[in-house]
Amino acid sequence: MTDLEFLDQAEKLLLAVERSCDRINDDSDADVDSQRTGGMVTLTFSNRSQIIINLQKPLHEVWMAAKSGGYHYRFDGVAWQDTKGAGEFFQQLSQDAERQSGTSLRFHT
């Protein structure tokens, strides 16, 4: 994957996270604050816990930090998969967001 291909796919991922937050806030009582600074998105829940997603451009990875731990993802041509086999990005994000917020939240592309 070239640097430009990585940046294109990573930008799509970050936009999908932001759009999911907007949809969740519009369609439910959940309050998920999404703040973006360059290649980093910080999700803050009503209980003040956070999930941080950031780009690691030199490695062509997306990293996610949640209460459950830190995860590294690489694009496999179809989806962002955990580098240690823990699964797909949006599945893990949804699981961690639900765990941290105490509300059923679904993130997707």
C-alpha atoms as a PDB file:
ATOM      1  CA  MET A   1       0.000   0.000   0.000  1.00  0.00           C
ATOM      2  CA  THR A   2       1.355   3.409  -0.917  1.00  0.00           C
ATOM      3  CA  ASP A   3       1.279   6.389   1.436  1.00  0.00           C
ATOM      4  CA  LEU A   4      -1.514   7.961  -0.626  1.00  0.00           C
ATOM      5  CA  GLU A   5      -3.582   4.779  -0.551  1.00  0.00           C
ATOM      6  CA  PHE A   6      -3.139   4.567   3.213  1.00  0.00           C
ATOM      7  CA  LEU A   7      -4.171   8.193   3.710  1.00  0.00           C
ATOM      8  CA  ASP A   8      -7.237   7.720   1.491  1.00  0.00           C
ATOM      9  CA  GLN A   9      -8.417   4.617   3.372  1.00  0.00           C
ATOM     10  CA  ALA A  10      -7.562   6.092   6.783  1.00  0.00           C
ATOM     11  CA  GLU A  11      -9.488   9.285   6.001  1.00  0.00           C
ATOM     12  CA  LYS A  12     -12.522   7.189   5.046  1.00  0.00           C
ATOM     13  CA  LEU A  13     -12.252   5.380   8.378  1.00  0.00           C
ATOM     14  CA  LEU A  14     -12.057   8.585  10.433  1.00  0.00           C
ATOM     15  CA  LEU A  15     -14.990  10.111   8.524  1.00  0.00           C
ATOM     16  CA  ALA A  16     -17.031   6.958   9.153  1.00  0.00           C
ATOM     17  CA  VAL A  17     -16.310   7.225  12.885  1.00  0.00           C
ATOM     18  CA  GLU A  18     -17.415  10.881  12.901  1.00  0.00           C
ATOM     19  CA  ARG A  19     -20.567  10.118  10.898  1.00  0.00           C
ATOM     20  CA  SER A  20     -21.401   7.232  13.217  1.00  0.00           C
ATOM     21  CA  CYS A  21     -21.161   9.611  16.186  1.00  0.00           C
ATOM     22  CA  ASP A  22     -23.497  12.064  14.465  1.00  0.00           C
ATOM     23  CA  ARG A  23     -25.982   9.271  13.686  1.00  0.00           C
ATOM     24  CA  ILE A  24     -25.814   7.885  17.233  1.00  0.00           C
ATOM     25  CA  ASN A  25     -26.423  11.334  18.726  1.00  0.00           C
ATOM     26  CA  ASP A  26     -29.321  12.024  16.320  1.00  0.00           C
ATOM     27  CA  ASP A  27     -31.019   8.639  16.729  1.00  0.00           C
ATOM     28  CA  SER A  28     -30.618   7.990  20.455  1.00  0.00           C
ATOM     29  CA  ASP A  29     -30.242   9.542  23.875  1.00  0.00           C
ATOM     30  CA  ALA A  30     -26.539   8.719  23.822  1.00  0.00           C
ATOM     31  CA  ASP A  31     -24.131  11.623  24.077  1.00  0.00           C
ATOM     32  CA  VAL A  32     -20.915  10.866  22.210  1.00  0.00           C
ATOM     33  CA  ASP A  33     -18.666  13.871  21.684  1.00  0.00           C
ATOM     34  CA  SER A  34     -16.340  13.524  18.720  1.00  0.00           C
ATOM     35  CA  GLN A  35     -13.357  15.864  18.470  1.00  0.00           C
ATOM     36  CA  ARG A  36     -10.953  15.685  15.553  1.00  0.00           C
ATOM     37  CA  THR A  37      -7.474  17.141  15.422  1.00  0.00           C
ATOM     38  CA  GLY A  38      -5.635  16.234  12.226  1.00  0.00           C
ATOM     39  CA  GLY A  39      -5.262  12.461  12.134  1.00  0.00           C
ATOM     40  CA  MET A  40      -6.724  11.893  15.598  1.00  0.00           C
ATOM     41  CA  VAL A  41     -10.335  11.500  16.747  1.00  0.00           C
ATOM     42  CA  THR A  42     -11.201  11.548  20.436  1.00  0.00           C
ATOM     43  CA  LEU A  43     -14.574  10.132  21.481  1.00  0.00           C
ATOM     44  CA  THR A  44     -15.778  11.270  24.876  1.00  0.00           C
ATOM     45  CA  PHE A  45     -18.784   9.675  26.540  1.00  0.00           C
ATOM     46  CA  SER A  46     -21.148  11.221  29.089  1.00  0.00           C
ATOM     47  CA  ASN A  47     -19.224   9.523  31.933  1.00  0.00           C
ATOM     48  CA  ARG A  48     -16.077  11.311  30.651  1.00  0.00           C
ATOM     49  CA  SER A  49     -14.325   8.127  29.544  1.00  0.00           C
ATOM     50  CA  GLN A  50     -12.604   8.331  26.174  1.00  0.00           C
ATOM     51  CA  ILE A  51     -11.572   6.306  23.160  1.00  0.00           C
ATOM     52  CA  ILE A  52      -8.764   7.749  21.048  1.00  0.00           C
ATOM     53  CA  ILE A  53      -8.196   6.809  17.414  1.00  0.00           C
ATOM     54  CA  ASN A  54      -5.104   8.071  15.623  1.00  0.00           C
ATOM     55  CA  LEU A  55      -3.181   7.495  12.442  1.00  0.00           C
ATOM     56  CA  GLN A  56       0.318   6.078  12.468  1.00  0.00           C
ATOM     57  CA  LYS A  57       1.335   7.189   8.981  1.00  0.00           C
ATOM     58  CA  PRO A  58       4.872   5.715   8.863  1.00  0.00           C
ATOM     59  CA  LEU A  59       3.490   2.272   9.787  1.00  0.00           C
ATOM     60  CA  HIS A  60       0.316   2.536   7.663  1.00  0.00           C
ATOM     61  CA  GLU A  61      -1.698   1.702  10.774  1.00  0.00           C
ATOM     62  CA  VAL A  62      -4.600   3.098  12.732  1.00  0.00           C
ATOM     63  CA  TRP A  63      -4.283   2.832  16.487  1.00  0.00           C
ATOM     64  CA  MET A  64      -7.151   2.796  18.962  1.00  0.00           C
ATOM     65  CA  ALA A  65      -6.806   3.283  22.708  1.00  0.00           C
ATOM     66  CA  ALA A  66      -9.730   2.290  24.942  1.00  0.00           C
ATOM     67  CA  LYS A  67     -10.135   1.165  28.534  1.00  0.00           C
ATOM     68  CA  SER A  68      -9.800  -2.431  27.333  1.00  0.00           C
ATOM     69  CA  GLY A  69      -6.372  -1.737  25.839  1.00  0.00           C
ATOM     70  CA  GLY A  70      -4.553  -0.533  22.761  1.00  0.00           C
ATOM     71  CA  TYR A  71      -5.152  -1.903  19.271  1.00  0.00           C
ATOM     72  CA  HIS A  72      -3.283  -1.572  15.973  1.00  0.00           C
ATOM     73  CA  TYR A  73      -5.132  -1.966  12.666  1.00  0.00           C
ATOM     74  CA  ARG A  74      -3.992  -2.399   9.062  1.00  0.00           C
ATOM     75  CA  PHE A  75      -6.163  -2.212   5.982  1.00  0.00           C
ATOM     76  CA  ASP A  76      -6.349  -5.623   4.265  1.00  0.00           C
ATOM     77  CA  GLY A  77      -7.977  -4.336   1.076  1.00  0.00           C
ATOM     78  CA  VAL A  78     -11.489  -4.777   2.478  1.00  0.00           C
ATOM     79  CA  ALA A  79     -11.484  -3.790   6.163  1.00  0.00           C
ATOM     80  CA  TRP A  80      -9.211  -2.598   8.963  1.00  0.00           C
ATOM     81  CA  GLN A  81      -8.034  -5.711  10.817  1.00  0.00           C
ATOM     82  CA  ASP A  82      -6.217  -5.923  14.154  1.00  0.00           C
ATOM     83  CA  THR A  83      -2.553  -6.777  13.650  1.00  0.00           C
ATOM     84  CA  LYS A  84      -2.749  -9.417  16.407  1.00  0.00           C
ATOM     85  CA  GLY A  85      -5.879 -11.118  15.102  1.00  0.00           C
ATOM     86  CA  ALA A  86      -8.379  -9.525  17.507  1.00  0.00           C
ATOM     87  CA  GLY A  87     -10.832  -8.675  14.706  1.00  0.00           C
ATOM     88  CA  GLU A  88     -12.176  -5.800  12.678  1.00  0.00           C
ATOM     89  CA  PHE A  89     -11.928  -2.130  13.718  1.00  0.00           C
ATOM     90  CA  PHE A  90     -15.627  -1.171  13.812  1.00  0.00           C
ATOM     91  CA  GLN A  91     -16.558  -4.332  15.684  1.00  0.00           C
ATOM     92  CA  GLN A  92     -13.995  -3.555  18.410  1.00  0.00           C
ATOM     93  CA  LEU A  93     -14.905   0.137  18.500  1.00  0.00           C
ATOM     94  CA  SER A  94     -18.604  -0.695  18.945  1.00  0.00           C
ATOM     95  CA  GLN A  95     -17.800  -3.201  21.682  1.00  0.00           C
ATOM     96  CA  ASP A  96     -15.533  -0.794  23.584  1.00  0.00           C
ATOM     97  CA  ALA A  97     -17.886   2.174  23.144  1.00  0.00           C
ATOM     98  CA  GLU A  98     -20.771   0.120  24.536  1.00  0.00           C
ATOM     99  CA  ARG A  99     -18.653  -1.096  27.448  1.00  0.00           C
ATOM    100  CA  GLN A 100     -17.402   2.394  28.314  1.00  0.00           C
ATOM    101  CA  SER A 101     -20.681   4.263  27.815  1.00  0.00           C
ATOM    102  CA  GLY A 102     -23.043   1.654  29.260  1.00  0.00           C
ATOM    103  CA  THR A 103     -25.234   2.133  26.170  1.00  0.00           C
ATOM    104  CA  SER A 104     -25.602  -0.028  23.070  1.00  0.00           C
ATOM    105  CA  LEU A 105     -23.667   1.857  20.356  1.00  0.00           C
ATOM    106  CA  ARG A 106     -23.000   0.679  16.811  1.00  0.00           C
ATOM    107  CA  PHE A 107     -20.215   2.159  14.706  1.00  0.00           C
ATOM    108  CA  HIS A 108     -19.848   1.216  11.041  1.00  0.00           C
ATOM    109  CA  THR A 109     -18.697   2.452   7.648  1.00  0.00           C
END
